[in-house]
Amino acid sequence: MLHARVVLTLFALSASLAAADPESPDQKPLPPSPSLVSGERIWPEPCFSHWPAIAYTDESRNVVFALPNRTAGQAGTIGWRGAEALPFTTPTDTDRVSGLLPLPLAPGPRSAVVKLGDKESAIELRICEARDAWPIAALKDGFPVDERGVPVVLLDRRRNANDERKWLALHNRLARPSGRGLLVGDPLEALGGNAWSEADADQRPALDDRYPHHAVLVALARIGSPRTIAWCPGNQALLGAAWNEEEVRILGAVRTRCEALKILPRLVLIVPPLPIDERLRELAVQRRELLISSATVQDWAIIDLERVAGPAERANKVGDGLFTRYPVGDAQAQVRKALREEMAR
């Protein structure tokens, strides 16, 4: 009987509330279901999909453009404003057009003009000297852009013997800054811990699934006056299957910016250990050799985590057949100690 009274009471209360709150005549009707409305395709705007983060003045480079293919078999052109346009015809078997456009190797804003039928649009790009302030604010699909989302290319010079002699001469004229050391890159996290936790430094994690070295450019857009700049690349570029030799250009770009700022911090490369993945070993060895040789030539100090932590089979081991991506336990403690001591120098 009690149960029946509760149900009746709730039913009466519900009916009373419904009667007390009639539908407002000003209430807007619900929109129709998307399944009942004919759709209109929203096409993406023309854009650059890939561009070099750092380009040298003595090389030929391209940017990759991507255009929507609204009308198959349509004639169009693309070219830098004020320069000769390149003709093309849209394909008949895809809804997207992509191609290469030669990159101008001079600083300044650029605009590529795209003409398709009676429609004209422009794609912006910024080319900036690496010695000037870096306007990089974020990554878009792994590539650097400014605060408006415009792609940014840093223009640097290729290092040669004369440049290295100039850098060494700076040791006699520039003082090392006194600001707090800067630690940038991959914190090498494993089992809830990381390799940076004991380092007294301005810690700036810079991560991306495919191009983590591009994230470093974002993190170093504002350098300040650190006494040390230590870069920890980690192994994500290998794991993301996107590593290429242009990663080492970060080393030169950082030096170029420091020269322009007239500061001489201690530059340190924290070379990542070999990954546990056997399929990546050969490429990882090649990468480590390139990083170490490039850093040595450009007067970066080296901390080799393969030597500090030991082989991944031991350093990354959690249990039988179970491994972390980076050193853990005692090996992680050794890496923390090495970084703590380096950042205290």
C-alpha atoms as a PDB file:
ATOM      1  CA  MET A   1       0.000   0.000   0.000  1.00  0.00           C
ATOM      2  CA  LEU A   2       2.854   2.372   0.859  1.00  0.00           C
ATOM      3  CA  HIS A   3       4.504   1.663  -2.491  1.00  0.00           C
ATOM      4  CA  ALA A   4       1.283   2.437  -4.353  1.00  0.00           C
ATOM      5  CA  ARG A   5       0.887   5.779  -2.495  1.00  0.00           C
ATOM      6  CA  VAL A   6       4.497   6.797  -3.413  1.00  0.00           C
ATOM      7  CA  VAL A   7       3.940   6.032  -7.099  1.00  0.00           C
ATOM      8  CA  LEU A   8       0.618   7.904  -7.124  1.00  0.00           C
ATOM      9  CA  THR A   9       2.193  10.869  -5.318  1.00  0.00           C
ATOM     10  CA  LEU A  10       5.072  11.083  -7.811  1.00  0.00           C
ATOM     11  CA  PHE A  11       2.653  10.829 -10.737  1.00  0.00           C
ATOM     12  CA  ALA A  12       0.495  13.615  -9.322  1.00  0.00           C
ATOM     13  CA  LEU A  13       3.547  15.826  -8.652  1.00  0.00           C
ATOM     14  CA  SER A  14       4.802  15.286 -12.200  1.00  0.00           C
ATOM     15  CA  ALA A  15       1.417  16.167 -13.667  1.00  0.00           C
ATOM     16  CA  SER A  16       1.191  19.252 -11.465  1.00  0.00           C
ATOM     17  CA  LEU A  17       4.619  20.498 -12.576  1.00  0.00           C
ATOM     18  CA  ALA A  18       3.775  19.896 -16.243  1.00  0.00           C
ATOM     19  CA  ALA A  19       0.585  21.860 -15.876  1.00  0.00           C
ATOM     20  CA  ALA A  20       2.315  24.699 -14.003  1.00  0.00           C
ATOM     21  CA  ASP A  21       5.008  25.126 -16.701  1.00  0.00           C
ATOM     22  CA  PRO A  22       3.277  25.181 -20.105  1.00  0.00           C
ATOM     23  CA  GLU A  23       5.391  25.530 -23.217  1.00  0.00           C
ATOM     24  CA  SER A  24       6.328  29.169 -23.823  1.00  0.00           C
ATOM     25  CA  PRO A  25       4.955  30.614 -27.077  1.00  0.00           C
ATOM     26  CA  ASP A  26       8.403  32.216 -27.624  1.00  0.00           C
ATOM     27  CA  GLN A  27      10.249  28.943 -27.280  1.00  0.00           C
ATOM     28  CA  LYS A  28      12.206  28.118 -30.440  1.00  0.00           C
ATOM     29  CA  PRO A  29      11.447  24.760 -32.046  1.00  0.00           C
ATOM     30  CA  LEU A  30      14.143  22.137 -32.071  1.00  0.00           C
ATOM     31  CA  PRO A  31      16.208  22.021 -35.264  1.00  0.00           C
ATOM     32  CA  PRO A  32      15.409  19.166 -37.636  1.00  0.00           C
ATOM     33  CA  SER A  33      17.435  16.004 -37.509  1.00  0.00           C
ATOM     34  CA  PRO A  34      20.571  16.121 -39.724  1.00  0.00           C
ATOM     35  CA  SER A  35      19.345  12.924 -41.374  1.00  0.00           C
ATOM     36  CA  LEU A  36      16.325  14.813 -42.718  1.00  0.00           C
ATOM     37  CA  VAL A  37      18.263  17.754 -44.194  1.00  0.00           C
ATOM     38  CA  SER A  38      20.171  17.684 -47.454  1.00  0.00           C
ATOM     39  CA  GLY A  39      23.867  18.278 -46.688  1.00  0.00           C
ATOM     40  CA  GLU A  40      26.222  20.803 -48.200  1.00  0.00           C
ATOM     41  CA  ARG A  41      29.906  19.886 -48.215  1.00  0.00           C
ATOM     42  CA  ILE A  42      32.247  22.278 -46.407  1.00  0.00           C
ATOM     43  CA  TRP A  43      35.511  22.413 -48.349  1.00  0.00           C
ATOM     44  CA  PRO A  44      38.795  23.233 -46.604  1.00  0.00           C
ATOM     45  CA  GLU A  45      40.660  26.349 -47.603  1.00  0.00           C
ATOM     46  CA  PRO A  46      43.907  26.075 -49.605  1.00  0.00           C
ATOM     47  CA  CYS A  47      46.870  25.712 -47.256  1.00  0.00           C
ATOM     48  CA  PHE A  48      50.460  24.600 -46.865  1.00  0.00           C
ATOM     49  CA  SER A  49      50.616  21.127 -45.337  1.00  0.00           C
ATOM     50  CA  HIS A  50      54.407  20.699 -44.994  1.00  0.00           C
ATOM     51  CA  TRP A  51      57.281  23.158 -44.874  1.00  0.00           C
ATOM     52  CA  PRO A  52      60.857  23.110 -43.545  1.00  0.00           C
ATOM     53  CA  ALA A  53      61.140  24.419 -39.998  1.00  0.00           C
ATOM     54  CA  ILE A  54      64.734  25.516 -40.664  1.00  0.00           C
ATOM     55  CA  ALA A  55      66.106  26.167 -44.140  1.00  0.00           C
ATOM     56  CA  TYR A  56      69.661  27.006 -45.171  1.00  0.00           C
ATOM     57  CA  THR A  57      70.414  29.863 -47.525  1.00  0.00           C
ATOM     58  CA  ASP A  58      72.552  27.670 -49.809  1.00  0.00           C
ATOM     59  CA  GLU A  59      69.973  24.983 -50.595  1.00  0.00           C
ATOM     60  CA  SER A  60      66.853  24.514 -52.691  1.00  0.00           C
ATOM     61  CA  ARG A  61      63.694  23.725 -50.700  1.00  0.00           C
ATOM     62  CA  ASN A  62      60.000  23.343 -51.364  1.00  0.00           C
ATOM     63  CA  VAL A  63      56.765  23.758 -49.453  1.00  0.00           C
ATOM     64  CA  VAL A  64      53.840  21.384 -49.975  1.00  0.00           C
ATOM     65  CA  PHE A  65      50.482  22.941 -50.786  1.00  0.00           C
ATOM     66  CA  ALA A  66      47.081  21.280 -50.462  1.00  0.00           C
ATOM     67  CA  LEU A  67      43.981  22.449 -52.337  1.00  0.00           C
ATOM     68  CA  PRO A  68      40.361  21.254 -52.334  1.00  0.00           C
ATOM     69  CA  ASN A  69      39.326  19.639 -55.624  1.00  0.00           C
ATOM     70  CA  ARG A  70      35.808  20.998 -55.977  1.00  0.00           C
ATOM     71  CA  THR A  71      35.715  20.453 -59.736  1.00  0.00           C
ATOM     72  CA  ALA A  72      37.606  17.549 -61.315  1.00  0.00           C
ATOM     73  CA  GLY A  73      39.669  18.333 -64.405  1.00  0.00           C
ATOM     74  CA  GLN A  74      39.702  22.062 -63.755  1.00  0.00           C
ATOM     75  CA  ALA A  75      42.668  24.198 -64.853  1.00  0.00           C
ATOM     76  CA  GLY A  76      44.360  26.338 -62.227  1.00  0.00           C
ATOM     77  CA  THR A  77      47.564  28.131 -61.293  1.00  0.00           C
ATOM     78  CA  ILE A  78      49.605  28.676 -58.136  1.00  0.00           C
ATOM     79  CA  GLY A  79      52.615  30.905 -57.551  1.00  0.00           C
ATOM     80  CA  TRP A  80      54.157  33.430 -55.200  1.00  0.00           C
ATOM     81  CA  ARG A  81      52.633  36.876 -55.514  1.00  0.00           C
ATOM     82  CA  GLY A  82      54.657  38.877 -58.018  1.00  0.00           C
ATOM     83  CA  ALA A  83      56.327  35.774 -59.495  1.00  0.00           C
ATOM     84  CA  GLU A  84      55.483  33.401 -62.314  1.00  0.00           C
ATOM     85  CA  ALA A  85      52.524  31.137 -61.604  1.00  0.00           C
ATOM     86  CA  LEU A  86      52.706  27.384 -62.171  1.00  0.00           C
ATOM     87  CA  PRO A  87      49.812  25.828 -64.130  1.00  0.00           C
ATOM     88  CA  PHE A  88      48.102  22.593 -63.094  1.00  0.00           C
ATOM     89  CA  THR A  89      44.935  20.617 -63.767  1.00  0.00           C
ATOM     90  CA  THR A  90      42.951  19.053 -60.961  1.00  0.00           C
ATOM     91  CA  PRO A  91      42.711  15.239 -61.037  1.00  0.00           C
ATOM     92  CA  THR A  92      39.520  13.280 -61.587  1.00  0.00           C
ATOM     93  CA  ASP A  93      39.993  10.582 -58.942  1.00  0.00           C
ATOM     94  CA  THR A  94      40.497  12.509 -55.688  1.00  0.00           C
ATOM     95  CA  ASP A  95      38.972  15.398 -53.755  1.00  0.00           C
ATOM     96  CA  ARG A  96      42.319  16.922 -52.851  1.00  0.00           C
ATOM     97  CA  VAL A  97      45.184  18.399 -54.856  1.00  0.00           C
ATOM     98  CA  SER A  98      48.731  18.627 -53.518  1.00  0.00           C
ATOM     99  CA  GLY A  99      52.050  19.663 -54.993  1.00  0.00           C
ATOM    100  CA  LEU A 100      55.379  21.407 -54.457  1.00  0.00           C
ATOM    101  CA  LEU A 101      56.142  25.101 -54.597  1.00  0.00           C
ATOM    102  CA  PRO A 102      59.771  26.309 -54.513  1.00  0.00           C
ATOM    103  CA  LEU A 103      60.570  28.128 -51.253  1.00  0.00           C
ATOM    104  CA  PRO A 104      62.028  31.644 -51.566  1.00  0.00           C
ATOM    105  CA  LEU A 105      65.221  31.747 -49.484  1.00  0.00           C
ATOM    106  CA  ALA A 106      65.006  35.356 -48.356  1.00  0.00           C
ATOM    107  CA  PRO A 107      63.388  36.749 -45.190  1.00  0.00           C
ATOM    108  CA  GLY A 108      59.995  38.371 -45.318  1.00  0.00           C
ATOM    109  CA  PRO A 109      56.278  37.609 -45.576  1.00  0.00           C
ATOM    110  CA  ARG A 110      55.186  35.589 -48.583  1.00  0.00           C
ATOM    111  CA  SER A 111      51.829  34.919 -50.180  1.00  0.00           C
ATOM    112  CA  ALA A 112      51.058  32.175 -52.677  1.00  0.00           C
ATOM    113  CA  VAL A 113      48.148  33.016 -54.997  1.00  0.00           C
ATOM    114  CA  VAL A 114      45.886  30.140 -56.038  1.00  0.00           C
ATOM    115  CA  LYS A 115      43.486  30.498 -58.981  1.00  0.00           C
ATOM    116  CA  LEU A 116      40.897  27.808 -59.681  1.00  0.00           C
ATOM    117  CA  GLY A 117      38.186  28.751 -62.159  1.00  0.00           C
ATOM    118  CA  ASP A 118      36.788  32.098 -61.032  1.00  0.00           C
ATOM    119  CA  LYS A 119      37.956  31.642 -57.451  1.00  0.00           C
ATOM    120  CA  GLU A 120      41.203  33.210 -56.191  1.00  0.00           C
ATOM    121  CA  SER A 121      42.725  32.722 -52.749  1.00  0.00           C
ATOM    122  CA  ALA A 122      46.057  33.312 -51.001  1.00  0.00           C
ATOM    123  CA  ILE A 123      48.178  31.168 -48.668  1.00  0.00           C
ATOM    124  CA  GLU A 124      50.461  33.038 -46.274  1.00  0.00           C
ATOM    125  CA  LEU A 125      53.970  32.088 -45.148  1.00  0.00           C
ATOM    126  CA  ARG A 126      56.606  33.831 -43.010  1.00  0.00           C
ATOM    127  CA  ILE A 127      60.334  33.427 -43.602  1.00  0.00           C
ATOM    128  CA  CYS A 128      62.385  34.771 -40.691  1.00  0.00           C
ATOM    129  CA  GLU A 129      66.083  35.046 -39.939  1.00  0.00           C
ATOM    130  CA  ALA A 130      67.090  32.558 -37.245  1.00  0.00           C
ATOM    131  CA  ARG A 131      69.156  35.267 -35.571  1.00  0.00           C
ATOM    132  CA  ASP A 132      66.063  37.465 -35.097  1.00  0.00           C
ATOM    133  CA  ALA A 133      63.244  36.875 -32.629  1.00  0.00           C
ATOM    134  CA  TRP A 134      61.414  33.660 -33.477  1.00  0.00           C
ATOM    135  CA  PRO A 135      57.685  34.380 -34.036  1.00  0.00           C
ATOM    136  CA  ILE A 136      56.812  30.728 -33.486  1.00  0.00           C
ATOM    137  CA  ALA A 137      53.814  30.309 -31.199  1.00  0.00           C
ATOM    138  CA  ALA A 138      52.609  26.744 -31.762  1.00  0.00           C
ATOM    139  CA  LEU A 139      52.678  23.699 -34.022  1.00  0.00           C
ATOM    140  CA  LYS A 140      50.067  22.911 -36.645  1.00  0.00           C
ATOM    141  CA  ASP A 141      50.106  19.253 -37.610  1.00  0.00           C
ATOM    142  CA  GLY A 142      53.674  19.156 -36.311  1.00  0.00           C
ATOM    143  CA  PHE A 143      54.969  22.255 -38.147  1.00  0.00           C
ATOM    144  CA  PRO A 144      55.721  25.710 -36.668  1.00  0.00           C
ATOM    145  CA  VAL A 145      53.237  28.564 -37.024  1.00  0.00           C
ATOM    146  CA  ASP A 146      52.910  32.054 -35.595  1.00  0.00           C
ATOM    147  CA  GLU A 147      50.133  33.297 -33.322  1.00  0.00           C
ATOM    148  CA  ARG A 148      47.800  33.683 -36.328  1.00  0.00           C
ATOM    149  CA  GLY A 149      48.470  30.150 -37.539  1.00  0.00           C
ATOM    150  CA  VAL A 150      50.682  31.306 -40.429  1.00  0.00           C
ATOM    151  CA  PRO A 151      53.509  28.841 -41.255  1.00  0.00           C
ATOM    152  CA  VAL A 152      56.979  29.986 -40.187  1.00  0.00           C
ATOM    153  CA  VAL A 153      60.346  29.026 -41.718  1.00  0.00           C
ATOM    154  CA  LEU A 154      63.564  29.984 -39.926  1.00  0.00           C
ATOM    155  CA  LEU A 155      66.358  30.913 -42.313  1.00  0.00           C
ATOM    156  CA  ASP A 156      69.781  29.893 -41.009  1.00  0.00           C
ATOM    157  CA  ARG A 157      73.277  29.477 -42.430  1.00  0.00           C
ATOM    158  CA  ARG A 158      75.065  26.199 -42.853  1.00  0.00           C
ATOM    159  CA  ARG A 159      77.919  25.881 -40.402  1.00  0.00           C
ATOM    160  CA  ASN A 160      81.431  25.793 -41.851  1.00  0.00           C
ATOM    161  CA  ALA A 161      84.972  25.968 -40.471  1.00  0.00           C
ATOM    162  CA  ASN A 162      84.957  29.783 -40.488  1.00  0.00           C
ATOM    163  CA  ASP A 163      81.733  29.875 -38.456  1.00  0.00           C
ATOM    164  CA  GLU A 164      83.224  27.544 -35.885  1.00  0.00           C
ATOM    165  CA  ARG A 165      86.318  29.742 -35.516  1.00  0.00           C
ATOM    166  CA  LYS A 166      84.016  32.746 -35.029  1.00  0.00           C
ATOM    167  CA  TRP A 167      82.053  30.909 -32.319  1.00  0.00           C
ATOM    168  CA  LEU A 168      85.245  29.949 -30.494  1.00  0.00           C
ATOM    169  CA  ALA A 169      86.423  33.566 -30.677  1.00  0.00           C
ATOM    170  CA  LEU A 170      83.220  34.617 -28.918  1.00  0.00           C
ATOM    171  CA  HIS A 171      84.393  32.711 -25.848  1.00  0.00           C
ATOM    172  CA  ASN A 172      86.943  35.465 -25.284  1.00  0.00           C
ATOM    173  CA  ARG A 173      84.438  38.331 -25.698  1.00  0.00           C
ATOM    174  CA  LEU A 174      81.118  37.180 -24.248  1.00  0.00           C
ATOM    175  CA  ALA A 175      80.329  36.328 -20.657  1.00  0.00           C
ATOM    176  CA  ARG A 176      78.216  33.378 -19.673  1.00  0.00           C
ATOM    177  CA  PRO A 177      74.778  34.594 -18.501  1.00  0.00           C
ATOM    178  CA  SER A 178      73.829  34.161 -14.862  1.00  0.00           C
ATOM    179  CA  GLY A 179      70.159  33.298 -15.381  1.00  0.00           C
ATOM    180  CA  ARG A 180      68.614  30.003 -14.367  1.00  0.00           C
ATOM    181  CA  GLY A 181      69.484  27.096 -16.641  1.00  0.00           C
ATOM    182  CA  LEU A 182      66.977  26.000 -19.268  1.00  0.00           C
ATOM    183  CA  LEU A 183      66.076  22.357 -19.847  1.00  0.00           C
ATOM    184  CA  VAL A 184      64.042  21.691 -22.989  1.00  0.00           C
ATOM    185  CA  GLY A 185      62.749  18.644 -24.854  1.00  0.00           C
ATOM    186  CA  ASP A 186      61.563  15.248 -23.629  1.00  0.00           C
ATOM    187  CA  PRO A 187      61.485  14.671 -19.822  1.00  0.00           C
ATOM    188  CA  LEU A 188      61.894  10.902 -20.466  1.00  0.00           C
ATOM    189  CA  GLU A 189      58.907   9.818 -18.385  1.00  0.00           C
ATOM    190  CA  ALA A 190      58.690   6.248 -17.130  1.00  0.00           C
ATOM    191  CA  LEU A 191      56.362   4.706 -14.536  1.00  0.00           C
ATOM    192  CA  GLY A 192      55.139   8.062 -13.241  1.00  0.00           C
ATOM    193  CA  GLY A 193      58.621   9.536 -12.858  1.00  0.00           C
ATOM    194  CA  ASN A 194      60.887  11.465 -15.177  1.00  0.00           C
ATOM    195  CA  ALA A 195      64.538  12.335 -15.638  1.00  0.00           C
ATOM    196  CA  TRP A 196      64.157  16.062 -14.927  1.00  0.00           C
ATOM    197  CA  SER A 197      62.553  15.998 -11.496  1.00  0.00           C
ATOM    198  CA  GLU A 198      65.735  16.808  -9.541  1.00  0.00           C
ATOM    199  CA  ALA A 199      67.202  19.393 -11.931  1.00  0.00           C
ATOM    200  CA  ASP A 200      67.156  23.029 -10.819  1.00  0.00           C
ATOM    201  CA  ALA A 201      66.165  24.533 -14.162  1.00  0.00           C
ATOM    202  CA  ASP A 202      63.506  26.323 -16.141  1.00  0.00           C
ATOM    203  CA  GLN A 203      61.921  23.132 -17.421  1.00  0.00           C
ATOM    204  CA  ARG A 204      60.185  23.394 -20.801  1.00  0.00           C
ATOM    205  CA  PRO A 205      58.807  20.068 -22.065  1.00  0.00           C
ATOM    206  CA  ALA A 206      58.620  20.160 -25.858  1.00  0.00           C
ATOM    207  CA  LEU A 207      56.742  17.190 -27.266  1.00  0.00           C
ATOM    208  CA  ASP A 208      55.070  16.146 -30.499  1.00  0.00           C
ATOM    209  CA  ASP A 209      54.064  12.714 -31.751  1.00  0.00           C
ATOM    210  CA  ARG A 210      56.133  13.051 -34.947  1.00  0.00           C
ATOM    211  CA  TYR A 211      58.275  16.187 -34.888  1.00  0.00           C
ATOM    212  CA  PRO A 212      59.371  16.876 -31.287  1.00  0.00           C
ATOM    213  CA  HIS A 213      62.357  18.938 -32.473  1.00  0.00           C
ATOM    214  CA  HIS A 214      59.865  21.388 -34.010  1.00  0.00           C
ATOM    215  CA  ALA A 215      58.276  21.712 -30.559  1.00  0.00           C
ATOM    216  CA  VAL A 216      61.690  22.795 -29.266  1.00  0.00           C
ATOM    217  CA  LEU A 217      61.501  25.850 -31.537  1.00  0.00           C
ATOM    218  CA  VAL A 218      58.215  26.810 -29.872  1.00  0.00           C
ATOM    219  CA  ALA A 219      59.701  26.346 -26.411  1.00  0.00           C
ATOM    220  CA  LEU A 220      62.799  28.408 -27.250  1.00  0.00           C
ATOM    221  CA  ALA A 221      60.998  31.271 -28.985  1.00  0.00           C
ATOM    222  CA  ARG A 222      61.737  33.186 -25.768  1.00  0.00           C
ATOM    223  CA  ILE A 223      65.203  32.283 -24.517  1.00  0.00           C
ATOM    224  CA  GLY A 224      66.065  34.974 -21.970  1.00  0.00           C
ATOM    225  CA  SER A 225      69.561  34.775 -20.451  1.00  0.00           C
ATOM    226  CA  PRO A 226      70.029  31.223 -19.142  1.00  0.00           C
ATOM    227  CA  ARG A 227      73.463  30.135 -17.981  1.00  0.00           C
ATOM    228  CA  THR A 228      72.821  26.732 -19.594  1.00  0.00           C
ATOM    229  CA  ILE A 229      70.600  25.476 -22.403  1.00  0.00           C
ATOM    230  CA  ALA A 230      70.245  21.700 -22.326  1.00  0.00           C
ATOM    231  CA  TRP A 231      68.288  19.902 -25.050  1.00  0.00           C
ATOM    232  CA  CYS A 232      66.934  16.412 -24.392  1.00  0.00           C
ATOM    233  CA  PRO A 233      65.576  15.067 -27.736  1.00  0.00           C
ATOM    234  CA  GLY A 234      64.251  11.728 -26.469  1.00  0.00           C
ATOM    235  CA  ASN A 235      63.258   8.997 -28.930  1.00  0.00           C
ATOM    236  CA  GLN A 236      59.746  10.028 -29.987  1.00  0.00           C
ATOM    237  CA  ALA A 237      60.923  11.041 -33.475  1.00  0.00           C
ATOM    238  CA  LEU A 238      61.959   7.413 -34.007  1.00  0.00           C
ATOM    239  CA  LEU A 239      58.832   5.982 -32.410  1.00  0.00           C
ATOM    240  CA  GLY A 240      56.657   8.275 -34.526  1.00  0.00           C
ATOM    241  CA  ALA A 241      58.466   7.122 -37.697  1.00  0.00           C
ATOM    242  CA  ALA A 242      59.190  10.729 -38.693  1.00  0.00           C
ATOM    243  CA  TRP A 243      62.875  11.192 -37.855  1.00  0.00           C
ATOM    244  CA  ASN A 244      65.120  12.788 -40.453  1.00  0.00           C
ATOM    245  CA  GLU A 245      68.566  14.360 -40.425  1.00  0.00           C
ATOM    246  CA  GLU A 246      67.177  17.891 -40.226  1.00  0.00           C
ATOM    247  CA  GLU A 247      66.746  17.375 -36.485  1.00  0.00           C
ATOM    248  CA  VAL A 248      70.368  18.462 -35.950  1.00  0.00           C
ATOM    249  CA  ARG A 249      69.603  21.895 -37.442  1.00  0.00           C
ATOM    250  CA  ILE A 250      68.231  22.800 -34.014  1.00  0.00           C
ATOM    251  CA  LEU A 251      71.819  22.857 -32.721  1.00  0.00           C
ATOM    252  CA  GLY A 252      72.893  25.531 -35.187  1.00  0.00           C
ATOM    253  CA  ALA A 253      69.703  27.593 -34.909  1.00  0.00           C
ATOM    254  CA  VAL A 254      70.082  27.844 -31.124  1.00  0.00           C
ATOM    255  CA  ARG A 255      73.682  28.994 -31.521  1.00  0.00           C
ATOM    256  CA  THR A 256      72.682  31.523 -34.171  1.00  0.00           C
ATOM    257  CA  ARG A 257      70.060  33.010 -31.852  1.00  0.00           C
ATOM    258  CA  CYS A 258      72.484  33.128 -28.911  1.00  0.00           C
ATOM    259  CA  GLU A 259      75.088  34.891 -31.065  1.00  0.00           C
ATOM    260  CA  ALA A 260      72.507  37.513 -32.034  1.00  0.00           C
ATOM    261  CA  LEU A 261      71.561  37.989 -28.368  1.00  0.00           C
ATOM    262  CA  LYS A 262      75.282  38.296 -27.519  1.00  0.00           C
ATOM    263  CA  ILE A 263      75.054  35.634 -24.851  1.00  0.00           C
ATOM    264  CA  LEU A 264      77.195  32.551 -24.415  1.00  0.00           C
ATOM    265  CA  PRO A 265      75.354  29.949 -22.335  1.00  0.00           C
ATOM    266  CA  ARG A 266      76.728  26.487 -21.872  1.00  0.00           C
ATOM    267  CA  LEU A 267      75.045  24.368 -24.545  1.00  0.00           C
ATOM    268  CA  VAL A 268      74.391  20.742 -23.654  1.00  0.00           C
ATOM    269  CA  LEU A 269      72.986  17.911 -25.778  1.00  0.00           C
ATOM    270  CA  ILE A 270      71.467  15.071 -23.757  1.00  0.00           C
ATOM    271  CA  VAL A 271      71.823  12.198 -26.196  1.00  0.00           C
ATOM    272  CA  PRO A 272      68.939   9.718 -25.817  1.00  0.00           C
ATOM    273  CA  PRO A 273      69.705   6.068 -25.067  1.00  0.00           C
ATOM    274  CA  LEU A 274      69.045   3.373 -27.627  1.00  0.00           C
ATOM    275  CA  PRO A 275      65.378   2.314 -27.562  1.00  0.00           C
ATOM    276  CA  ILE A 276      64.338  -1.129 -26.434  1.00  0.00           C
ATOM    277  CA  ASP A 277      62.641  -1.736 -29.810  1.00  0.00           C
ATOM    278  CA  GLU A 278      64.956  -3.928 -31.879  1.00  0.00           C
ATOM    279  CA  ARG A 279      63.373  -2.723 -35.129  1.00  0.00           C
ATOM    280  CA  LEU A 280      64.545   0.821 -34.360  1.00  0.00           C
ATOM    281  CA  ARG A 281      68.114   0.003 -33.338  1.00  0.00           C
ATOM    282  CA  GLU A 282      69.871   0.524 -36.662  1.00  0.00           C
ATOM    283  CA  LEU A 283      68.228   3.895 -37.275  1.00  0.00           C
ATOM    284  CA  ALA A 284      68.740   4.888 -33.643  1.00  0.00           C
ATOM    285  CA  VAL A 285      72.493   4.231 -33.919  1.00  0.00           C
ATOM    286  CA  GLN A 286      72.651   6.377 -37.061  1.00  0.00           C
ATOM    287  CA  ARG A 287      70.729   9.143 -35.335  1.00  0.00           C
ATOM    288  CA  ARG A 288      72.896   9.093 -32.211  1.00  0.00           C
ATOM    289  CA  GLU A 289      76.078   9.283 -34.272  1.00  0.00           C
ATOM    290  CA  LEU A 290      74.753  12.249 -36.238  1.00  0.00           C
ATOM    291  CA  LEU A 291      73.604  14.084 -33.104  1.00  0.00           C
ATOM    292  CA  ILE A 292      76.919  13.545 -31.319  1.00  0.00           C
ATOM    293  CA  SER A 293      79.108  14.488 -34.286  1.00  0.00           C
ATOM    294  CA  SER A 294      77.072  17.611 -35.090  1.00  0.00           C
ATOM    295  CA  ALA A 295      76.985  18.734 -31.464  1.00  0.00           C
ATOM    296  CA  THR A 296      80.718  18.181 -31.022  1.00  0.00           C
ATOM    297  CA  VAL A 297      81.596  20.241 -34.101  1.00  0.00           C
ATOM    298  CA  GLN A 298      79.345  23.058 -32.869  1.00  0.00           C
ATOM    299  CA  ASP A 299      80.818  23.098 -29.352  1.00  0.00           C
ATOM    300  CA  TRP A 300      77.894  21.566 -27.487  1.00  0.00           C
ATOM    301  CA  ALA A 301      78.747  19.515 -24.409  1.00  0.00           C
ATOM    302  CA  ILE A 302      77.509  15.911 -24.495  1.00  0.00           C
ATOM    303  CA  ILE A 303      75.716  13.798 -21.902  1.00  0.00           C
ATOM    304  CA  ASP A 304      75.281  10.317 -23.347  1.00  0.00           C
ATOM    305  CA  LEU A 305      72.413   8.613 -21.540  1.00  0.00           C
ATOM    306  CA  GLU A 306      73.352   5.258 -23.057  1.00  0.00           C
ATOM    307  CA  ARG A 307      76.516   5.401 -20.955  1.00  0.00           C
ATOM    308  CA  VAL A 308      74.805   6.930 -17.923  1.00  0.00           C
ATOM    309  CA  ALA A 309      71.876   4.504 -17.726  1.00  0.00           C
ATOM    310  CA  GLY A 310      73.304   1.434 -19.435  1.00  0.00           C
ATOM    311  CA  PRO A 311      71.675  -0.793 -22.074  1.00  0.00           C
ATOM    312  CA  ALA A 312      67.894  -0.594 -22.366  1.00  0.00           C
ATOM    313  CA  GLU A 313      67.585  -4.345 -21.707  1.00  0.00           C
ATOM    314  CA  ARG A 314      68.646  -3.585 -18.138  1.00  0.00           C
ATOM    315  CA  ALA A 315      67.861   0.132 -17.672  1.00  0.00           C
ATOM    316  CA  ASN A 316      64.245  -0.118 -18.896  1.00  0.00           C
ATOM    317  CA  LYS A 317      63.361  -3.467 -17.374  1.00  0.00           C
ATOM    318  CA  VAL A 318      60.390  -3.657 -15.025  1.00  0.00           C
ATOM    319  CA  GLY A 319      59.973  -7.428 -14.978  1.00  0.00           C
ATOM    320  CA  ASP A 320      60.352 -10.499 -17.134  1.00  0.00           C
ATOM    321  CA  GLY A 321      59.511  -9.407 -20.670  1.00  0.00           C
ATOM    322  CA  LEU A 322      58.219  -6.040 -19.442  1.00  0.00           C
ATOM    323  CA  PHE A 323      60.047  -2.806 -20.288  1.00  0.00           C
ATOM    324  CA  THR A 324      59.416   0.931 -20.163  1.00  0.00           C
ATOM    325  CA  ARG A 325      60.250   3.344 -22.971  1.00  0.00           C
ATOM    326  CA  TYR A 326      62.974   5.103 -20.957  1.00  0.00           C
ATOM    327  CA  PRO A 327      65.235   4.184 -18.010  1.00  0.00           C
ATOM    328  CA  VAL A 328      63.485   3.348 -14.753  1.00  0.00           C
ATOM    329  CA  GLY A 329      64.482   2.556 -11.178  1.00  0.00           C
ATOM    330  CA  ASP A 330      68.205   2.799 -10.430  1.00  0.00           C
ATOM    331  CA  ALA A 331      68.974   3.692 -14.045  1.00  0.00           C
ATOM    332  CA  GLN A 332      66.488   6.576 -13.903  1.00  0.00           C
ATOM    333  CA  ALA A 333      68.109   7.731 -10.675  1.00  0.00           C
ATOM    334  CA  GLN A 334      71.505   7.823 -12.423  1.00  0.00           C
ATOM    335  CA  VAL A 335      70.061   9.929 -15.230  1.00  0.00           C
ATOM    336  CA  ARG A 336      68.481  12.319 -12.712  1.00  0.00           C
ATOM    337  CA  LYS A 337      71.810  12.661 -10.942  1.00  0.00           C
ATOM    338  CA  ALA A 338      73.652  13.442 -14.178  1.00  0.00           C
ATOM    339  CA  LEU A 339      71.138  16.126 -15.149  1.00  0.00           C
ATOM    340  CA  ARG A 340      71.032  17.584 -11.647  1.00  0.00           C
ATOM    341  CA  GLU A 341      74.795  17.952 -11.611  1.00  0.00           C
ATOM    342  CA  GLU A 342      74.913  19.390 -15.134  1.00  0.00           C
ATOM    343  CA  MET A 343      72.294  22.045 -14.455  1.00  0.00           C
ATOM    344  CA  ALA A 344      74.122  23.032 -11.257  1.00  0.00           C
ATOM    345  CA  ARG A 345      77.388  23.742 -13.093  1.00  0.00           C
END
